């Protein structure tokens, strides 16, 4: 869960949703008044998420890591798999 206190209206939620959607590999994006949930590839760090939200005009007060899901990227799976 990403706490974004100044994201209250549906218009603000739509802007943050659009910003998070621009992160390569971001899925399962859900925004509500003051909070957002997103699933991200492993290589995407919280710094990039916070920067993306700030560029959209909002600020993050907290991130609960176990609710911001990450998953291995396709590339890392390809490099670690064996035939």
Protein backbone atom coordinates (compact mmCIF):
# COMPACT_ATOMS: atom_id res chain seq x y z
CA UNK A 1 0.00 0.00 0.00
CA UNK A 2 1.28 3.43 -0.91
CA UNK A 3 -0.11 6.26 1.21
CA UNK A 4 -0.74 9.38 -0.87
CA UNK A 5 -2.65 11.84 1.37
CA UNK A 6 -3.21 14.51 -1.27
CA UNK A 7 -4.88 12.01 -3.68
CA UNK A 8 -8.52 12.23 -2.62
CA UNK A 9 -10.78 12.96 -5.58
CA UNK A 10 -11.51 10.58 -8.44
CA UNK A 11 -9.63 12.97 -10.74
CA UNK A 12 -6.52 12.74 -8.54
CA UNK A 13 -6.83 8.97 -8.36
CA UNK A 14 -7.04 8.81 -12.14
CA UNK A 15 -3.85 10.93 -12.48
CA UNK A 16 -1.90 8.70 -10.07
CA UNK A 17 -3.26 5.58 -11.77
CA UNK A 18 -2.08 6.92 -15.13
CA UNK A 19 1.34 7.79 -13.70
CA UNK A 20 1.79 4.33 -12.15
CA UNK A 21 0.65 2.73 -15.40
CA UNK A 22 3.59 4.40 -17.14
CA UNK A 23 6.04 2.33 -15.03
CA UNK A 24 7.21 -0.53 -17.22
CA UNK A 25 5.69 -3.79 -15.98
CA UNK A 26 3.34 -2.26 -13.40
CA UNK A 27 0.10 -4.21 -13.08
CA UNK A 28 -2.88 -4.58 -10.79
CA UNK A 29 -3.01 -0.86 -10.11
CA UNK A 30 -5.78 0.19 -7.76
CA UNK A 31 -6.18 3.72 -6.40
CA UNK A 32 -8.57 4.86 -3.70
CA UNK A 33 -8.80 8.05 -1.66
CA UNK A 34 -5.36 8.43 -0.11
CA UNK A 35 -3.92 5.03 -1.05
CA UNK A 36 -2.70 3.07 -4.04
CA UNK A 37 -1.85 -0.59 -4.60
CA UNK A 38 0.39 -1.80 -7.42
CA UNK A 39 2.27 -4.93 -8.48
CA UNK A 40 5.76 -4.27 -9.83
CA UNK A 41 8.63 -6.23 -11.37
CA UNK A 42 11.53 -6.86 -8.95
CA UNK A 43 13.84 -4.37 -10.66
CA UNK A 44 11.48 -1.45 -9.98
CA UNK A 45 12.40 0.14 -6.65
CA UNK A 46 10.39 2.30 -4.32
CA UNK A 47 12.47 5.32 -5.32
CA UNK A 48 11.13 5.07 -8.88
CA UNK A 49 7.56 4.67 -7.63
CA UNK A 50 7.85 7.68 -5.32
CA UNK A 51 9.49 9.75 -8.06
CA UNK A 52 6.72 8.84 -10.50
CA UNK A 53 4.02 9.84 -8.02
CA UNK A 54 5.82 13.11 -7.19
CA UNK A 55 6.16 13.98 -10.90
CA UNK A 56 2.38 13.60 -11.14
CA UNK A 57 2.05 16.26 -8.41
CA UNK A 58 1.45 14.11 -5.33
CA UNK A 59 3.50 12.99 -2.33
CA UNK A 60 4.00 9.68 -0.57
CA UNK A 61 3.98 9.48 3.23
CA UNK A 62 4.44 5.73 3.60
CA UNK A 63 4.86 2.50 1.67
CA UNK A 64 3.87 -0.83 3.18
CA UNK A 65 6.17 -3.16 1.25
CA UNK A 66 4.20 -6.38 1.65
CA UNK A 67 1.25 -4.80 -0.10
CA UNK A 68 3.33 -3.47 -3.01
CA UNK A 69 3.80 -6.76 -4.77
CA UNK A 70 6.90 -7.40 -6.81
CA UNK A 71 7.54 -10.23 -9.22
CA UNK A 72 10.59 -11.40 -11.15
CA UNK A 73 10.97 -9.82 -14.55
CA UNK A 74 10.81 -11.96 -17.67
CA UNK A 75 14.44 -11.12 -18.40
CA UNK A 76 15.68 -12.37 -15.04
CA UNK A 77 13.72 -15.59 -15.48
CA UNK A 78 15.28 -16.09 -18.90
CA UNK A 79 18.80 -15.55 -17.56
CA UNK A 80 18.36 -17.93 -14.64
CA UNK A 81 16.52 -20.74 -16.39
CA UNK A 82 18.24 -23.80 -17.79
CA UNK A 83 17.20 -26.04 -20.66
